[in-house]
Amino acid sequence: MELLHFPKILDQRGNLSFLQSNKEVPFEIKRVYWIYDVPGGEMRGGHAYKNLNEVIIALSGSYDVVLHDGEKEYRYHLNRSYYGLYVPKMMWRHIENFSTNSLALILTDDLYKEDEYIRDFDAFKAMKGI
């Protein structure tokens, strides 16, 4: 896991940030999805991916990304659109504490495949040999 810093072009008319596959994002982007209109107190995620890597960006608002490697928990507060959190494969994750009107953008290095998900934390730990 790594906090990525995207370029910022500052302008009095409004700022601009960008990202590109295999440059600012450390993989070729194959799927993009977003999470929005999350009711107060709700959590999204609660799974790991066997082989998929992702970058999570707070385009609007803020939220916490909670990662777990099977032994230790890591918490990241995302609230700026020029940062992205790189989440490697085999890392348990969920997103919580969504602010009003928050928008989470997720970039992945593979297409959607249901069999890619690990949805049981004990099974996740067993796969990691923990």
Protein backbone atom coordinates (compact mmCIF):
# COMPACT_ATOMS: atom_id res chain seq x y z
CA MET A 1 0.00 0.00 0.00
CA GLU A 2 1.16 3.46 -0.82
CA LEU A 3 -0.29 6.95 -0.90
CA LEU A 4 0.14 8.27 -4.44
CA HIS A 5 0.44 11.99 -5.16
CA PHE A 6 -1.04 13.09 -8.48
CA PRO A 7 0.16 16.19 -10.32
CA LYS A 8 -1.59 19.45 -9.41
CA ILE A 9 -1.87 22.31 -11.86
CA LEU A 10 -2.93 25.35 -9.86
CA ASP A 11 -4.96 28.03 -11.61
CA GLN A 12 -7.11 30.89 -10.29
CA ARG A 13 -9.94 29.55 -12.49
CA GLY A 14 -9.78 26.17 -10.75
CA ASN A 15 -7.20 23.48 -10.24
CA LEU A 16 -6.56 20.39 -12.33
CA SER A 17 -5.08 17.00 -11.49
CA PHE A 18 -4.59 14.00 -13.75
CA LEU A 19 -3.38 10.43 -13.82
CA GLN A 20 -2.25 8.01 -16.47
CA SER A 21 -1.92 4.23 -16.67
CA ASN A 22 1.59 2.98 -15.84
CA LYS A 23 2.71 6.46 -14.80
CA GLU A 24 0.91 8.07 -11.88
CA VAL A 25 -1.03 4.81 -11.44
CA PRO A 26 1.35 1.82 -11.18
CA PHE A 27 -0.62 -0.41 -13.55
CA GLU A 28 -2.70 -0.40 -16.73
CA ILE A 29 -6.22 0.69 -15.83
CA LYS A 30 -8.78 -1.89 -17.01
CA ARG A 31 -11.83 -1.01 -14.90
CA VAL A 32 -13.13 2.14 -13.24
CA TYR A 33 -16.04 2.31 -10.81
CA TRP A 34 -17.26 4.77 -8.21
CA ILE A 35 -19.14 4.68 -4.92
CA TYR A 36 -21.54 7.48 -4.01
CA ASP A 37 -24.72 8.30 -2.05
CA VAL A 38 -23.54 6.15 0.87
CA PRO A 39 -25.98 6.58 3.80
CA GLY A 40 -24.53 7.82 7.09
CA GLY A 41 -22.90 5.09 9.15
CA GLU A 42 -22.66 2.61 6.28
CA MET A 43 -19.52 0.75 5.26
CA ARG A 44 -18.51 -0.45 1.79
CA GLY A 45 -16.14 -3.24 0.89
CA GLY A 46 -15.26 -5.89 3.44
CA HIS A 47 -13.26 -8.10 1.11
CA ALA A 48 -9.88 -8.75 -0.48
CA TYR A 49 -8.85 -9.57 -4.03
CA LYS A 50 -6.72 -12.57 -4.95
CA ASN A 51 -4.84 -10.91 -7.83
CA LEU A 52 -6.38 -7.49 -8.42
CA ASN A 53 -4.66 -4.21 -7.53
CA GLU A 54 -6.53 -0.94 -7.13
CA VAL A 55 -6.16 2.77 -6.51
CA ILE A 56 -8.84 4.53 -4.43
CA ILE A 57 -9.34 8.30 -4.86
CA ALA A 58 -11.64 10.66 -2.95
CA LEU A 59 -12.88 12.84 -5.79
CA SER A 60 -15.25 14.64 -3.43
CA GLY A 61 -15.76 14.63 0.32
CA SER A 62 -13.87 12.30 2.59
CA TYR A 63 -13.83 8.77 4.01
CA ASP A 64 -11.52 6.31 5.72
CA VAL A 65 -10.00 3.33 3.95
CA VAL A 66 -9.19 0.58 6.44
CA LEU A 67 -6.72 -2.06 5.24
CA HIS A 68 -5.67 -5.26 6.95
CA ASP A 69 -2.83 -7.56 5.89
CA GLY A 70 -4.08 -10.40 8.11
CA GLU A 71 -1.95 -9.33 11.08
CA LYS A 72 -2.07 -5.54 11.25
CA GLU A 73 -4.64 -2.85 10.44
CA TYR A 74 -3.82 0.35 8.55
CA ARG A 75 -6.14 3.38 8.31
CA TYR A 76 -6.00 6.12 5.67
CA HIS A 77 -8.20 9.22 5.66
CA LEU A 78 -8.74 10.31 2.06
CA ASN A 79 -10.04 13.82 1.47
CA ARG A 80 -8.13 15.32 -1.47
CA SER A 81 -8.62 14.49 -5.13
CA TYR A 82 -4.89 14.72 -5.88
CA TYR A 83 -4.08 11.72 -3.65
CA GLY A 84 -4.80 8.09 -4.38
CA LEU A 85 -4.31 5.06 -2.19
CA TYR A 86 -2.67 2.13 -3.95
CA VAL A 87 -4.05 -1.12 -2.51
CA PRO A 88 -2.19 -4.26 -3.65
CA LYS A 89 -3.73 -7.69 -4.08
CA MET A 90 -4.35 -9.84 -0.99
CA MET A 91 -5.11 -6.87 1.26
CA TRP A 92 -8.42 -6.90 3.16
CA ARG A 93 -10.20 -3.58 2.87
CA HIS A 94 -13.32 -1.64 3.69
CA ILE A 95 -14.32 2.02 3.43
CA GLU A 96 -16.16 3.84 6.23
CA ASN A 97 -16.94 7.28 7.67
CA PHE A 98 -18.22 8.70 4.39
CA SER A 99 -18.90 12.44 4.53
CA THR A 100 -22.03 13.88 2.91
CA ASN A 101 -21.80 13.88 -0.89
CA SER A 102 -18.53 11.95 -0.94
CA LEU A 103 -17.45 10.27 -4.15
CA ALA A 104 -14.93 7.40 -4.18
CA LEU A 105 -13.32 6.59 -7.52
CA ILE A 106 -11.65 3.18 -7.82
CA LEU A 107 -9.25 2.18 -10.61
CA THR A 108 -8.33 -1.49 -11.05
CA ASP A 109 -5.87 -3.49 -13.13
CA ASP A 110 -8.39 -6.15 -14.19
CA LEU A 111 -11.99 -6.60 -15.24
CA TYR A 112 -14.73 -7.59 -12.79
CA LYS A 113 -14.58 -11.30 -11.88
CA GLU A 114 -16.68 -12.59 -8.99
CA ASP A 115 -14.23 -15.43 -8.29
CA GLU A 116 -11.50 -12.82 -7.66
CA TYR A 117 -13.15 -11.77 -4.36
CA ILE A 118 -12.37 -13.19 -0.92
CA ARG A 119 -15.37 -12.27 1.23
CA ASP A 120 -14.54 -14.17 4.46
CA PHE A 121 -11.81 -12.73 6.68
CA ASP A 122 -10.84 -16.11 8.18
CA ALA A 123 -10.51 -17.60 4.69
CA PHE A 124 -8.39 -14.56 3.71
CA LYS A 125 -6.03 -15.14 6.65
CA ALA A 126 -5.80 -18.87 5.84
CA MET A 127 -4.87 -18.04 2.21
CA LYS A 128 -2.06 -15.83 3.54
CA GLY A 129 -0.89 -18.60 5.88
CA ILE A 130 -1.75 -16.63 9.03
